[in-house]
Amino acid sequence: MEKQKNAVGRRKEAVTRVFLSRGEGKITINDKDYKQYFSLVYLQNQVELPLKTVEGLDKYDVKINAAGGGMKGQAEAAKLGIARALLEVNAEFRPALKAAGLLRRDPRAVERKKPGRKKARRSYQFSKR
C-alpha cells in the first residue's frame, strides 16, 4: 500500500469519509480518538468490526470525518466506510467482509411525514361527536 485509501460510508442521515493508511492501529474520528468520540462500547465495537474481521486492528491507521445523523448512524456509516476502504487495500478481504455482512448499506431511513397527519403514520384522533 503506497498511500492512503479512502472510501465513503453512509447510514440514515450520517455520512463518513474514511482515510485508511498503514500504521499501528490508531482510529480517529473528527480529530478525536474513537473511544472518546463514541463513549458507548457497542458503538466502539461497530467501528472496530471490519478491522477485526480481516485481523488488521494493529496494521492500519484510520482517520474518519463524520457528519450528520446521530451517534449510532455515524458508527455504522464508519463501519461501512472502513470495510470499503479495506477492499481497496486488498481485494482478498472481500469474502470475509461479505460473510460478516459488512459490505451492505443499510437502506432503512426515517419515513417522510404525510400531509393531513401528525407524523408519518400517526393520524389525528377521530371524534364521532
C-alpha atoms as a PDB file:
ATOM      1  CA  MET A   1       0.000   0.000   0.000  1.00  0.00           C
ATOM      2  CA  GLU A   2       1.769   3.100  -1.247  1.00  0.00           C
ATOM      3  CA  LYS A   3      -0.547   5.813   0.075  1.00  0.00           C
ATOM      4  CA  GLN A   4      -3.815   6.191   1.922  1.00  0.00           C
ATOM      5  CA  LYS A   5      -7.017   4.710   0.540  1.00  0.00           C
ATOM      6  CA  ASN A   6     -10.324   6.430   1.051  1.00  0.00           C
ATOM      7  CA  ALA A   7     -13.980   5.453   0.960  1.00  0.00           C
ATOM      8  CA  VAL A   8     -17.399   6.792   1.926  1.00  0.00           C
ATOM      9  CA  GLY A   9     -19.870   5.185   4.308  1.00  0.00           C
ATOM     10  CA  ARG A  10     -23.500   6.211   4.769  1.00  0.00           C
ATOM     11  CA  ARG A  11     -26.319   5.272   7.163  1.00  0.00           C
ATOM     12  CA  LYS A  12     -29.593   7.179   7.683  1.00  0.00           C
ATOM     13  CA  GLU A  13     -28.511  10.856   7.532  1.00  0.00           C
ATOM     14  CA  ALA A  14     -24.889  10.186   8.574  1.00  0.00           C
ATOM     15  CA  VAL A  15     -22.027  10.380   6.074  1.00  0.00           C
ATOM     16  CA  THR A  16     -18.432   9.439   6.896  1.00  0.00           C
ATOM     17  CA  ARG A  17     -15.287   9.849   4.818  1.00  0.00           C
ATOM     18  CA  VAL A  18     -12.699   7.218   5.758  1.00  0.00           C
ATOM     19  CA  PHE A  19      -8.959   7.509   5.098  1.00  0.00           C
ATOM     20  CA  LEU A  20      -7.014   4.267   5.629  1.00  0.00           C
ATOM     21  CA  SER A  21      -3.228   4.046   5.759  1.00  0.00           C
ATOM     22  CA  ARG A  22      -0.559   1.707   7.109  1.00  0.00           C
ATOM     23  CA  GLY A  23       0.108   2.262  10.788  1.00  0.00           C
ATOM     24  CA  GLU A  24      -0.191   0.879  14.279  1.00  0.00           C
ATOM     25  CA  GLY A  25      -3.965   0.889  14.794  1.00  0.00           C
ATOM     26  CA  LYS A  26      -4.928   4.496  15.602  1.00  0.00           C
ATOM     27  CA  ILE A  27      -8.561   5.299  14.843  1.00  0.00           C
ATOM     28  CA  THR A  28      -9.559   8.971  14.959  1.00  0.00           C
ATOM     29  CA  ILE A  29     -12.983  10.441  14.248  1.00  0.00           C
ATOM     30  CA  ASN A  30     -13.228  14.228  13.741  1.00  0.00           C
ATOM     31  CA  ASP A  31      -9.730  14.621  15.294  1.00  0.00           C
ATOM     32  CA  LYS A  32     -10.733  12.701  18.461  1.00  0.00           C
ATOM     33  CA  ASP A  33      -9.886   9.156  19.472  1.00  0.00           C
ATOM     34  CA  TYR A  34     -12.809   6.880  18.594  1.00  0.00           C
ATOM     35  CA  LYS A  35     -13.147   5.674  22.196  1.00  0.00           C
ATOM     36  CA  GLN A  36     -13.560   9.287  23.285  1.00  0.00           C
ATOM     37  CA  TYR A  37     -15.918  10.142  20.391  1.00  0.00           C
ATOM     38  CA  PHE A  38     -18.136   7.063  20.899  1.00  0.00           C
ATOM     39  CA  SER A  39     -18.488   6.639  24.658  1.00  0.00           C
ATOM     40  CA  LEU A  40     -20.737   3.554  24.300  1.00  0.00           C
ATOM     41  CA  VAL A  41     -18.778   0.305  23.991  1.00  0.00           C
ATOM     42  CA  TYR A  42     -21.085  -1.294  21.424  1.00  0.00           C
ATOM     43  CA  LEU A  43     -20.536   1.670  19.072  1.00  0.00           C
ATOM     44  CA  GLN A  44     -16.757   1.303  19.515  1.00  0.00           C
ATOM     45  CA  ASN A  45     -17.138  -2.386  18.597  1.00  0.00           C
ATOM     46  CA  GLN A  46     -19.077  -1.407  15.448  1.00  0.00           C
ATOM     47  CA  VAL A  47     -16.163   0.762  14.300  1.00  0.00           C
ATOM     48  CA  GLU A  48     -13.591  -1.983  15.049  1.00  0.00           C
ATOM     49  CA  LEU A  49     -15.572  -4.826  13.445  1.00  0.00           C
ATOM     50  CA  PRO A  50     -14.241  -4.626   9.829  1.00  0.00           C
ATOM     51  CA  LEU A  51     -10.640  -4.428  11.062  1.00  0.00           C
ATOM     52  CA  LYS A  52     -11.173  -7.366  13.450  1.00  0.00           C
ATOM     53  CA  THR A  53     -12.714  -9.390  10.609  1.00  0.00           C
ATOM     54  CA  VAL A  54      -9.545  -9.117   8.488  1.00  0.00           C
ATOM     55  CA  GLU A  55      -7.202  -9.171  11.522  1.00  0.00           C
ATOM     56  CA  GLY A  56      -5.935  -5.678  10.738  1.00  0.00           C
ATOM     57  CA  LEU A  57      -6.691  -3.900  14.015  1.00  0.00           C
ATOM     58  CA  ASP A  58      -2.998  -3.112  14.626  1.00  0.00           C
ATOM     59  CA  LYS A  59      -1.918  -2.801  10.961  1.00  0.00           C
ATOM     60  CA  TYR A  60      -3.872   0.247   9.771  1.00  0.00           C
ATOM     61  CA  ASP A  61      -4.427   3.828  10.903  1.00  0.00           C
ATOM     62  CA  VAL A  62      -7.933   5.123  10.222  1.00  0.00           C
ATOM     63  CA  LYS A  63      -8.924   8.793  10.019  1.00  0.00           C
ATOM     64  CA  ILE A  64     -12.656   9.477   9.744  1.00  0.00           C
ATOM     65  CA  ASN A  65     -14.619  12.669   9.042  1.00  0.00           C
ATOM     66  CA  ALA A  66     -18.183  12.150  10.260  1.00  0.00           C
ATOM     67  CA  ALA A  67     -21.114  14.487   9.623  1.00  0.00           C
ATOM     68  CA  GLY A  68     -24.877  14.370  10.035  1.00  0.00           C
ATOM     69  CA  GLY A  69     -27.153  11.924  11.789  1.00  0.00           C
ATOM     70  CA  GLY A  70     -26.690  10.656  15.313  1.00  0.00           C
ATOM     71  CA  MET A  71     -24.101   8.592  17.128  1.00  0.00           C
ATOM     72  CA  LYS A  72     -25.408   5.184  16.011  1.00  0.00           C
ATOM     73  CA  GLY A  73     -25.769   6.276  12.385  1.00  0.00           C
ATOM     74  CA  GLN A  74     -22.236   7.672  12.345  1.00  0.00           C
ATOM     75  CA  ALA A  75     -20.802   4.499  13.896  1.00  0.00           C
ATOM     76  CA  GLU A  76     -22.492   2.278  11.338  1.00  0.00           C
ATOM     77  CA  ALA A  77     -21.511   4.617   8.489  1.00  0.00           C
ATOM     78  CA  ALA A  78     -17.900   4.412   9.716  1.00  0.00           C
ATOM     79  CA  LYS A  79     -18.159   0.612   9.743  1.00  0.00           C
ATOM     80  CA  LEU A  80     -19.238   0.550   6.085  1.00  0.00           C
ATOM     81  CA  GLY A  81     -16.593   3.105   5.084  1.00  0.00           C
ATOM     82  CA  ILE A  82     -13.773   1.147   6.741  1.00  0.00           C
ATOM     83  CA  ALA A  83     -14.943  -2.083   5.070  1.00  0.00           C
ATOM     84  CA  ARG A  84     -14.979  -0.386   1.654  1.00  0.00           C
ATOM     85  CA  ALA A  85     -11.518   1.121   2.211  1.00  0.00           C
ATOM     86  CA  LEU A  86     -10.150  -2.312   3.211  1.00  0.00           C
ATOM     87  CA  LEU A  87     -11.428  -3.680  -0.107  1.00  0.00           C
ATOM     88  CA  GLU A  88      -9.375  -1.054  -1.953  1.00  0.00           C
ATOM     89  CA  VAL A  89      -6.289  -2.139   0.012  1.00  0.00           C
ATOM     90  CA  ASN A  90      -6.706  -5.851  -0.699  1.00  0.00           C
ATOM     91  CA  ALA A  91      -9.457  -7.480  -2.781  1.00  0.00           C
ATOM     92  CA  GLU A  92      -8.848 -10.805  -0.995  1.00  0.00           C
ATOM     93  CA  PHE A  93     -10.620  -9.396   2.078  1.00  0.00           C
ATOM     94  CA  ARG A  94     -13.935  -9.480   0.169  1.00  0.00           C
ATOM     95  CA  PRO A  95     -15.180 -12.996   1.140  1.00  0.00           C
ATOM     96  CA  ALA A  96     -14.544 -12.419   4.860  1.00  0.00           C
ATOM     97  CA  LEU A  97     -16.151  -8.949   4.865  1.00  0.00           C
ATOM     98  CA  LYS A  98     -19.103 -10.149   2.785  1.00  0.00           C
ATOM     99  CA  ALA A  99     -19.712 -13.150   5.066  1.00  0.00           C
ATOM    100  CA  ALA A 100     -19.817 -10.789   8.057  1.00  0.00           C
ATOM    101  CA  GLY A 101     -22.361  -8.605   6.213  1.00  0.00           C
ATOM    102  CA  LEU A 102     -20.125  -5.529   6.268  1.00  0.00           C
ATOM    103  CA  LEU A 103     -20.438  -4.556   2.604  1.00  0.00           C
ATOM    104  CA  ARG A 104     -24.196  -3.889   2.619  1.00  0.00           C
ATOM    105  CA  ARG A 105     -25.512  -0.376   3.051  1.00  0.00           C
ATOM    106  CA  ASP A 106     -28.487  -0.425   5.391  1.00  0.00           C
ATOM    107  CA  PRO A 107     -31.273   1.220   3.341  1.00  0.00           C
ATOM    108  CA  ARG A 108     -33.612   1.908   6.276  1.00  0.00           C
ATOM    109  CA  ALA A 109     -34.289   5.589   6.872  1.00  0.00           C
ATOM    110  CA  VAL A 110     -36.935   7.751   8.512  1.00  0.00           C
ATOM    111  CA  GLU A 111     -40.252   7.700   6.677  1.00  0.00           C
ATOM    112  CA  ARG A 112     -41.403  11.097   5.478  1.00  0.00           C
ATOM    113  CA  LYS A 113     -44.296  12.958   7.098  1.00  0.00           C
ATOM    114  CA  LYS A 114     -47.507  12.879   5.065  1.00  0.00           C
ATOM    115  CA  PRO A 115     -49.961  15.791   4.728  1.00  0.00           C
ATOM    116  CA  GLY A 116     -53.032  15.643   6.968  1.00  0.00           C
ATOM    117  CA  ARG A 117     -51.225  13.558   9.583  1.00  0.00           C
ATOM    118  CA  LYS A 118     -49.245  14.356  12.721  1.00  0.00           C
ATOM    119  CA  LYS A 119     -46.263  12.132  11.809  1.00  0.00           C
ATOM    120  CA  ALA A 120     -45.541   9.640   9.028  1.00  0.00           C
ATOM    121  CA  ARG A 121     -48.369   7.284  10.051  1.00  0.00           C
ATOM    122  CA  ARG A 122     -49.877   8.793  13.198  1.00  0.00           C
ATOM    123  CA  SER A 123     -53.248  10.333  12.395  1.00  0.00           C
ATOM    124  CA  TYR A 124     -55.304  12.839  14.343  1.00  0.00           C
ATOM    125  CA  GLN A 125     -57.644  11.307  16.915  1.00  0.00           C
ATOM    126  CA  PHE A 126     -61.050  10.543  15.417  1.00  0.00           C
ATOM    127  CA  SER A 127     -64.026  12.125  17.154  1.00  0.00           C
ATOM    128  CA  LYS A 128     -67.510  10.947  16.277  1.00  0.00           C
ATOM    129  CA  ARG A 129     -69.220  13.888  18.040  1.00  0.00           C
END
